[in-house]
Amino acid sequence: MKLNLKAFALTCGIFWGVSMFLMTLWVVNLGSGYNALLESFRSFYIGYTISNVGSVLGLIYGFLDGLIGGAIFVWIYNKLAK
């Protein structure tokens, strides 16, 4: 069964982007939980910080990261499923 590349990549991008946005806002507003995890993302996402502006950057970076990662996953899956 082949997977739809565009749909899967878009779903992964939306999921990861929204996850980064919500995790960052969670830490900004409540100050606990994912600090160490989010701090590690600073090495991958240039300009990302744990702040309100950082949550928007996390949304953008997360969307692009999820989109590309999802597309690569489906491309490999579809090649192996033939």
PDB file of N, CA and C in Angstrom:
ATOM      1  N   MET A   1       0.841  -1.180   0.000  1.00  0.00           N
ATOM      2  CA  MET A   1       0.000   0.000   0.000  1.00  0.00           C
ATOM      3  C   MET A   1       0.889   1.247   0.000  1.00  0.00           C
ATOM      4  N   LYS A   2       0.705   2.096  -0.986  1.00  0.00           N
ATOM      5  CA  LYS A   2       1.477   3.331  -1.070  1.00  0.00           C
ATOM      6  C   LYS A   2       0.848   4.406  -0.196  1.00  0.00           C
ATOM      7  N   LEU A   3       1.694   5.211   0.389  1.00  0.00           N
ATOM      8  CA  LEU A   3       1.237   6.351   1.179  1.00  0.00           C
ATOM      9  C   LEU A   3       1.271   7.603   0.313  1.00  0.00           C
ATOM     10  N   ASN A   4       0.370   8.523   0.583  1.00  0.00           N
ATOM     11  CA  ASN A   4       0.323   9.794  -0.129  1.00  0.00           C
ATOM     12  C   ASN A   4       1.406  10.704   0.446  1.00  0.00           C
ATOM     13  N   LEU A   5       2.399  11.005  -0.371  1.00  0.00           N
ATOM     14  CA  LEU A   5       3.558  11.771   0.080  1.00  0.00           C
ATOM     15  C   LEU A   5       3.165  13.165   0.572  1.00  0.00           C
ATOM     16  N   LYS A   6       2.370  13.887  -0.207  1.00  0.00           N
ATOM     17  CA  LYS A   6       2.011  15.263   0.172  1.00  0.00           C
ATOM     18  C   LYS A   6       1.199  15.302   1.460  1.00  0.00           C
ATOM     19  N   ALA A   7       0.225  14.402   1.566  1.00  0.00           N
ATOM     20  CA  ALA A   7      -0.642  14.402   2.749  1.00  0.00           C
ATOM     21  C   ALA A   7       0.137  14.031   4.006  1.00  0.00           C
ATOM     22  N   PHE A   8       0.984  13.013   3.914  1.00  0.00           N
ATOM     23  CA  PHE A   8       1.743  12.574   5.080  1.00  0.00           C
ATOM     24  C   PHE A   8       2.755  13.637   5.502  1.00  0.00           C
ATOM     25  N   ALA A   9       3.465  14.212   4.526  1.00  0.00           N
ATOM     26  CA  ALA A   9       4.463  15.237   4.841  1.00  0.00           C
ATOM     27  C   ALA A   9       3.803  16.459   5.470  1.00  0.00           C
ATOM     28  N   LEU A  10       2.665  16.869   4.930  1.00  0.00           N
ATOM     29  CA  LEU A  10       1.955  18.022   5.484  1.00  0.00           C
ATOM     30  C   LEU A  10       1.454  17.737   6.896  1.00  0.00           C
ATOM     31  N   THR A  11       0.959  16.535   7.120  1.00  0.00           N
ATOM     32  CA  THR A  11       0.492  16.152   8.455  1.00  0.00           C
ATOM     33  C   THR A  11       1.634  16.161   9.462  1.00  0.00           C
ATOM     34  N   CYS A  12       2.768  15.604   9.078  1.00  0.00           N
ATOM     35  CA  CYS A  12       3.940  15.604   9.971  1.00  0.00           C
ATOM     36  C   CYS A  12       4.404  17.027  10.260  1.00  0.00           C
ATOM     37  N   GLY A  13       4.419  17.872   9.236  1.00  0.00           N
ATOM     38  CA  GLY A  13       4.832  19.256   9.421  1.00  0.00           C
ATOM     39  C   GLY A  13       3.919  20.014  10.365  1.00  0.00           C
ATOM     40  N   ILE A  14       2.624  19.858  10.174  1.00  0.00           N
ATOM     41  CA  ILE A  14       1.660  20.535  11.047  1.00  0.00           C
ATOM     42  C   ILE A  14       1.780  20.016  12.475  1.00  0.00           C
ATOM     43  N   PHE A  15       1.869  18.701  12.624  1.00  0.00           N
ATOM     44  CA  PHE A  15       1.958  18.113  13.963  1.00  0.00           C
ATOM     45  C   PHE A  15       3.203  18.596  14.705  1.00  0.00           C
ATOM     46  N   TRP A  16       4.370  18.544  14.053  1.00  0.00           N
ATOM     47  CA  TRP A  16       5.603  18.928  14.737  1.00  0.00           C
ATOM     48  C   TRP A  16       5.665  20.430  14.976  1.00  0.00           C
ATOM     49  N   GLY A  17       5.185  21.228  14.028  1.00  0.00           N
ATOM     50  CA  GLY A  17       5.169  22.674  14.210  1.00  0.00           C
ATOM     51  C   GLY A  17       4.287  23.093  15.372  1.00  0.00           C
ATOM     52  N   VAL A  18       3.079  22.552  15.427  1.00  0.00           N
ATOM     53  CA  VAL A  18       2.157  22.876  16.523  1.00  0.00           C
ATOM     54  C   VAL A  18       2.704  22.350  17.848  1.00  0.00           C
ATOM     55  N   SER A  19       3.339  21.187  17.828  1.00  0.00           N
ATOM     56  CA  SER A  19       3.936  20.640  19.056  1.00  0.00           C
ATOM     57  C   SER A  19       5.023  21.558  19.600  1.00  0.00           C
ATOM     58  N   MET A  20       5.907  22.030  18.723  1.00  0.00           N
ATOM     59  CA  MET A  20       6.961  22.954  19.157  1.00  0.00           C
ATOM     60  C   MET A  20       6.354  24.245  19.709  1.00  0.00           C
ATOM     61  N   PHE A  21       5.339  24.758  19.033  1.00  0.00           N
ATOM     62  CA  PHE A  21       4.672  25.986  19.463  1.00  0.00           C
ATOM     63  C   PHE A  21       4.067  25.822  20.852  1.00  0.00           C
ATOM     64  N   LEU A  22       3.313  24.744  21.047  1.00  0.00           N
ATOM     65  CA  LEU A  22       2.633  24.535  22.328  1.00  0.00           C
ATOM     66  C   LEU A  22       3.605  24.203  23.458  1.00  0.00           C
ATOM     67  N   MET A  23       4.641  23.389  23.177  1.00  0.00           N
ATOM     68  CA  MET A  23       5.625  23.078  24.224  1.00  0.00           C
ATOM     69  C   MET A  23       6.344  24.339  24.681  1.00  0.00           C
ATOM     70  N   THR A  24       6.695  25.211  23.725  1.00  0.00           N
ATOM     71  CA  THR A  24       7.389  26.446  24.086  1.00  0.00           C
ATOM     72  C   THR A  24       6.490  27.360  24.909  1.00  0.00           C
ATOM     73  N   LEU A  25       5.243  27.519  24.485  1.00  0.00           N
ATOM     74  CA  LEU A  25       4.323  28.358  25.260  1.00  0.00           C
ATOM     75  C   LEU A  25       4.068  27.778  26.644  1.00  0.00           C
ATOM     76  N   TRP A  26       4.027  26.456  26.745  1.00  0.00           N
ATOM     77  CA  TRP A  26       3.836  25.792  28.041  1.00  0.00           C
ATOM     78  C   TRP A  26       4.956  26.200  29.002  1.00  0.00           C
ATOM     79  N   VAL A  27       6.199  26.112  28.528  1.00  0.00           N
ATOM     80  CA  VAL A  27       7.343  26.434  29.384  1.00  0.00           C
ATOM     81  C   VAL A  27       7.386  27.933  29.680  1.00  0.00           C
ATOM     82  N   VAL A  28       7.065  28.777  28.700  1.00  0.00           N
ATOM     83  CA  VAL A  28       7.064  30.227  28.929  1.00  0.00           C
ATOM     84  C   VAL A  28       6.039  30.598  29.997  1.00  0.00           C
ATOM     85  N   ASN A  29       4.858  30.028  29.926  1.00  0.00           N
ATOM     86  CA  ASN A  29       3.781  30.411  30.844  1.00  0.00           C
ATOM     87  C   ASN A  29       3.830  29.689  32.180  1.00  0.00           C
ATOM     88  N   LEU A  30       4.229  28.416  32.195  1.00  0.00           N
ATOM     89  CA  LEU A  30       4.219  27.655  33.446  1.00  0.00           C
ATOM     90  C   LEU A  30       5.610  27.428  34.028  1.00  0.00           C
ATOM     91  N   GLY A  31       6.646  27.578  33.209  1.00  0.00           N
ATOM     92  CA  GLY A  31       8.008  27.507  33.692  1.00  0.00           C
ATOM     93  C   GLY A  31       8.497  26.141  34.128  1.00  0.00           C
ATOM     94  N   SER A  32       7.893  25.085  33.647  1.00  0.00           N
ATOM     95  CA  SER A  32       8.370  23.761  34.048  1.00  0.00           C
ATOM     96  C   SER A  32       8.121  22.763  32.937  1.00  0.00           C
ATOM     97  N   GLY A  33       8.739  21.619  33.098  1.00  0.00           N
ATOM     98  CA  GLY A  33       8.446  20.533  32.172  1.00  0.00           C
ATOM     99  C   GLY A  33       9.544  20.257  31.174  1.00  0.00           C
ATOM    100  N   TYR A  34       9.470  20.903  30.032  1.00  0.00           N
ATOM    101  CA  TYR A  34      10.304  20.534  28.891  1.00  0.00           C
ATOM    102  C   TYR A  34      11.543  21.405  28.728  1.00  0.00           C
ATOM    103  N   ASN A  35      12.010  22.068  29.766  1.00  0.00           N
ATOM    104  CA  ASN A  35      13.140  22.994  29.631  1.00  0.00           C
ATOM    105  C   ASN A  35      14.350  22.360  28.961  1.00  0.00           C
ATOM    106  N   ALA A  36      14.803  21.218  29.445  1.00  0.00           N
ATOM    107  CA  ALA A  36      16.003  20.588  28.896  1.00  0.00           C
ATOM    108  C   ALA A  36      15.792  20.171  27.447  1.00  0.00           C
ATOM    109  N   LEU A  37      14.627  19.649  27.140  1.00  0.00           N
ATOM    110  CA  LEU A  37      14.327  19.241  25.767  1.00  0.00           C
ATOM    111  C   LEU A  37      14.338  20.443  24.832  1.00  0.00           C
ATOM    112  N   LEU A  38      13.661  21.503  25.229  1.00  0.00           N
ATOM    113  CA  LEU A  38      13.588  22.677  24.369  1.00  0.00           C
ATOM    114  C   LEU A  38      14.936  23.376  24.248  1.00  0.00           C
ATOM    115  N   GLU A  39      15.727  23.370  25.298  1.00  0.00           N
ATOM    116  CA  GLU A  39      17.067  23.958  25.216  1.00  0.00           C
ATOM    117  C   GLU A  39      17.933  23.208  24.210  1.00  0.00           C
ATOM    118  N   SER A  40      17.734  21.899  24.088  1.00  0.00           N
ATOM    119  CA  SER A  40      18.521  21.130  23.120  1.00  0.00           C
ATOM    120  C   SER A  40      18.157  21.494  21.684  1.00  0.00           C
ATOM    121  N   PHE A  41      16.944  21.984  21.449  1.00  0.00           N
ATOM    122  CA  PHE A  41      16.544  22.374  20.098  1.00  0.00           C
ATOM    123  C   PHE A  41      17.266  23.631  19.628  1.00  0.00           C
ATOM    124  N   ARG A  42      17.824  24.388  20.545  1.00  0.00           N
ATOM    125  CA  ARG A  42      18.554  25.601  20.163  1.00  0.00           C
ATOM    126  C   ARG A  42      19.746  25.283  19.280  1.00  0.00           C
ATOM    127  N   SER A  43      20.322  24.080  19.430  1.00  0.00           N
ATOM    128  CA  SER A  43      21.458  23.711  18.587  1.00  0.00           C
ATOM    129  C   SER A  43      21.029  23.360  17.166  1.00  0.00           C
ATOM    130  N   PHE A  44      19.762  23.009  16.972  1.00  0.00           N
ATOM    131  CA  PHE A  44      19.259  22.660  15.638  1.00  0.00           C
ATOM    132  C   PHE A  44      18.585  23.836  14.946  1.00  0.00           C
ATOM    133  N   TYR A  45      17.816  24.604  15.698  1.00  0.00           N
ATOM    134  CA  TYR A  45      17.007  25.682  15.137  1.00  0.00           C
ATOM    135  C   TYR A  45      17.646  27.026  15.460  1.00  0.00           C
ATOM    136  N   ILE A  46      18.240  27.660  14.470  1.00  0.00           N
ATOM    137  CA  ILE A  46      18.954  28.923  14.646  1.00  0.00           C
ATOM    138  C   ILE A  46      17.971  30.024  15.054  1.00  0.00           C
ATOM    139  N   GLY A  47      18.273  30.711  16.138  1.00  0.00           N
ATOM    140  CA  GLY A  47      17.440  31.800  16.613  1.00  0.00           C
ATOM    141  C   GLY A  47      16.337  31.384  17.563  1.00  0.00           C
ATOM    142  N   TYR A  48      16.152  30.083  17.750  1.00  0.00           N
ATOM    143  CA  TYR A  48      15.087  29.594  18.626  1.00  0.00           C
ATOM    144  C   TYR A  48      15.453  29.837  20.083  1.00  0.00           C
ATOM    145  N   THR A  49      14.519  30.396  20.834  1.00  0.00           N
ATOM    146  CA  THR A  49      14.674  30.588  22.272  1.00  0.00           C
ATOM    147  C   THR A  49      13.361  30.215  22.946  1.00  0.00           C
ATOM    148  N   ILE A  50      13.422  30.031  24.249  1.00  0.00           N
ATOM    149  CA  ILE A  50      12.198  29.751  24.996  1.00  0.00           C
ATOM    150  C   ILE A  50      11.566  31.090  25.350  1.00  0.00           C
ATOM    151  N   SER A  51      10.754  31.590  24.426  1.00  0.00           N
ATOM    152  CA  SER A  51      10.065  32.873  24.580  1.00  0.00           C
ATOM    153  C   SER A  51       8.856  32.867  23.655  1.00  0.00           C
ATOM    154  N   ASN A  52       8.089  33.945  23.702  1.00  0.00           N
ATOM    155  CA  ASN A  52       6.938  34.041  22.806  1.00  0.00           C
ATOM    156  C   ASN A  52       7.369  34.101  21.345  1.00  0.00           C
ATOM    157  N   VAL A  53       8.426  34.850  21.061  1.00  0.00           N
ATOM    158  CA  VAL A  53       8.958  34.902  19.697  1.00  0.00           C
ATOM    159  C   VAL A  53       9.531  33.542  19.317  1.00  0.00           C
ATOM    160  N   GLY A  54      10.189  32.892  20.262  1.00  0.00           N
ATOM    161  CA  GLY A  54      10.738  31.562  20.020  1.00  0.00           C
ATOM    162  C   GLY A  54       9.672  30.535  19.701  1.00  0.00           C
ATOM    163  N   SER A  55       8.487  30.699  20.269  1.00  0.00           N
ATOM    164  CA  SER A  55       7.409  29.755  19.967  1.00  0.00           C
ATOM    165  C   SER A  55       6.987  29.861  18.508  1.00  0.00           C
ATOM    166  N   VAL A  56       6.993  31.080  17.965  1.00  0.00           N
ATOM    167  CA  VAL A  56       6.655  31.257  16.548  1.00  0.00           C
ATOM    168  C   VAL A  56       7.765  30.684  15.670  1.00  0.00           C
ATOM    169  N   LEU A  57       9.017  30.925  16.044  1.00  0.00           N
ATOM    170  CA  LEU A  57      10.131  30.329  15.300  1.00  0.00           C
ATOM    171  C   LEU A  57      10.091  28.810  15.390  1.00  0.00           C
ATOM    172  N   GLY A  58       9.749  28.286  16.560  1.00  0.00           N
ATOM    173  CA  GLY A  58       9.610  26.840  16.718  1.00  0.00           C
ATOM    174  C   GLY A  58       8.512  26.285  15.840  1.00  0.00           C
ATOM    175  N   LEU A  59       7.423  27.026  15.695  1.00  0.00           N
ATOM    176  CA  LEU A  59       6.334  26.623  14.809  1.00  0.00           C
ATOM    177  C   LEU A  59       6.824  26.528  13.367  1.00  0.00           C
ATOM    178  N   ILE A  60       7.546  27.535  12.920  1.00  0.00           N
ATOM    179  CA  ILE A  60       8.046  27.557  11.538  1.00  0.00           C
ATOM    180  C   ILE A  60       9.087  26.467  11.318  1.00  0.00           C
ATOM    181  N   TYR A  61      10.099  26.415  12.200  1.00  0.00           N
ATOM    182  CA  TYR A  61      11.132  25.390  12.069  1.00  0.00           C
ATOM    183  C   TYR A  61      10.545  23.988  12.199  1.00  0.00           C
ATOM    184  N   GLY A  62       9.651  23.811  13.147  1.00  0.00           N
ATOM    185  CA  GLY A  62       9.029  22.506  13.343  1.00  0.00           C
ATOM    186  C   GLY A  62       8.228  22.070  12.135  1.00  0.00           C
ATOM    187  N   PHE A  63       7.498  23.008  11.525  1.00  0.00           N
ATOM    188  CA  PHE A  63       6.734  22.681  10.327  1.00  0.00           C
ATOM    189  C   PHE A  63       7.659  22.230   9.204  1.00  0.00           C
ATOM    190  N   LEU A  64       8.721  22.998   8.966  1.00  0.00           N
ATOM    191  CA  LEU A  64       9.656  22.638   7.895  1.00  0.00           C
ATOM    192  C   LEU A  64      10.362  21.321   8.184  1.00  0.00           C
ATOM    193  N   ASP A  65      10.770  21.129   9.419  1.00  0.00           N
ATOM    194  CA  ASP A  65      11.452  19.904   9.821  1.00  0.00           C
ATOM    195  C   ASP A  65      10.536  18.690   9.668  1.00  0.00           C
ATOM    196  N   GLY A  66       9.305  18.804  10.140  1.00  0.00           N
ATOM    197  CA  GLY A  66       8.344  17.712  10.019  1.00  0.00           C
ATOM    198  C   GLY A  66       7.967  17.432   8.579  1.00  0.00           C
ATOM    199  N   LEU A  67       7.838  18.486   7.785  1.00  0.00           N
ATOM    200  CA  LEU A  67       7.502  18.339   6.372  1.00  0.00           C
ATOM    201  C   LEU A  67       8.582  17.555   5.632  1.00  0.00           C
ATOM    202  N   ILE A  68       9.829  17.947   5.821  1.00  0.00           N
ATOM    203  CA  ILE A  68      10.937  17.275   5.145  1.00  0.00           C
ATOM    204  C   ILE A  68      11.116  15.859   5.675  1.00  0.00           C
ATOM    205  N   GLY A  69      11.075  15.694   6.994  1.00  0.00           N
ATOM    206  CA  GLY A  69      11.216  14.358   7.584  1.00  0.00           C
ATOM    207  C   GLY A  69      10.109  13.413   7.160  1.00  0.00           C
ATOM    208  N   GLY A  70       8.872  13.906   7.128  1.00  0.00           N
ATOM    209  CA  GLY A  70       7.745  13.087   6.693  1.00  0.00           C
ATOM    210  C   GLY A  70       7.854  12.697   5.234  1.00  0.00           C
ATOM    211  N   ALA A  71       8.303  13.632   4.393  1.00  0.00           N
ATOM    212  CA  ALA A  71       8.465  13.342   2.968  1.00  0.00           C
ATOM    213  C   ALA A  71       9.542  12.287   2.737  1.00  0.00           C
ATOM    214  N   ILE A  72      10.653  12.393   3.454  1.00  0.00           N
ATOM    215  CA  ILE A  72      11.721  11.397   3.316  1.00  0.00           C
ATOM    216  C   ILE A  72      11.236  10.031   3.778  1.00  0.00           C
ATOM    217  N   PHE A  73      10.519   9.993   4.899  1.00  0.00           N
ATOM    218  CA  PHE A  73      10.001   8.727   5.413  1.00  0.00           C
ATOM    219  C   PHE A  73       9.074   8.056   4.406  1.00  0.00           C
ATOM    220  N   VAL A  74       8.119   8.810   3.844  1.00  0.00           N
ATOM    221  CA  VAL A  74       7.166   8.230   2.893  1.00  0.00           C
ATOM    222  C   VAL A  74       7.860   7.822   1.603  1.00  0.00           C
ATOM    223  N   TRP A  75       8.816   8.593   1.155  1.00  0.00           N
ATOM    224  CA  TRP A  75       9.545   8.239  -0.062  1.00  0.00           C
ATOM    225  C   TRP A  75      10.251   6.897   0.116  1.00  0.00           C
ATOM    226  N   ILE A  76      10.935   6.718   1.253  1.00  0.00           N
ATOM    227  CA  ILE A  76      11.613   5.444   1.530  1.00  0.00           C
ATOM    228  C   ILE A  76      10.593   4.326   1.685  1.00  0.00           C
ATOM    229  N   TYR A  77       9.511   4.580   2.411  1.00  0.00           N
ATOM    230  CA  TYR A  77       8.473   3.566   2.612  1.00  0.00           C
ATOM    231  C   TYR A  77       7.883   3.114   1.279  1.00  0.00           C
ATOM    232  N   ASN A  78       7.557   4.063   0.420  1.00  0.00           N
ATOM    233  CA  ASN A  78       6.973   3.715  -0.875  1.00  0.00           C
ATOM    234  C   ASN A  78       7.953   2.949  -1.752  1.00  0.00           C
ATOM    235  N   LYS A  79       9.242   3.261  -1.669  1.00  0.00           N
ATOM    236  CA  LYS A  79      10.253   2.510  -2.430  1.00  0.00           C
ATOM    237  C   LYS A  79      10.342   1.071  -1.935  1.00  0.00           C
ATOM    238  N   LEU A  80      10.288   0.878  -0.624  1.00  0.00           N
ATOM    239  CA  LEU A  80      10.396  -0.468  -0.060  1.00  0.00           C
ATOM    240  C   LEU A  80       9.102  -1.263  -0.200  1.00  0.00           C
ATOM    241  N   ALA A  81       7.967  -0.595  -0.323  1.00  0.00           N
ATOM    242  CA  ALA A  81       6.673  -1.275  -0.398  1.00  0.00           C
ATOM    243  C   ALA A  81       6.350  -1.786  -1.799  1.00  0.00           C
ATOM    244  N   LYS A  82       7.168  -1.450  -2.787  1.00  0.00           N
ATOM    245  CA  LYS A  82       6.901  -1.894  -4.165  1.00  0.00           C
ATOM    246  C   LYS A  82       7.028  -3.378  -4.320  1.00  0.00           C
TER     247      LYS A  82
END
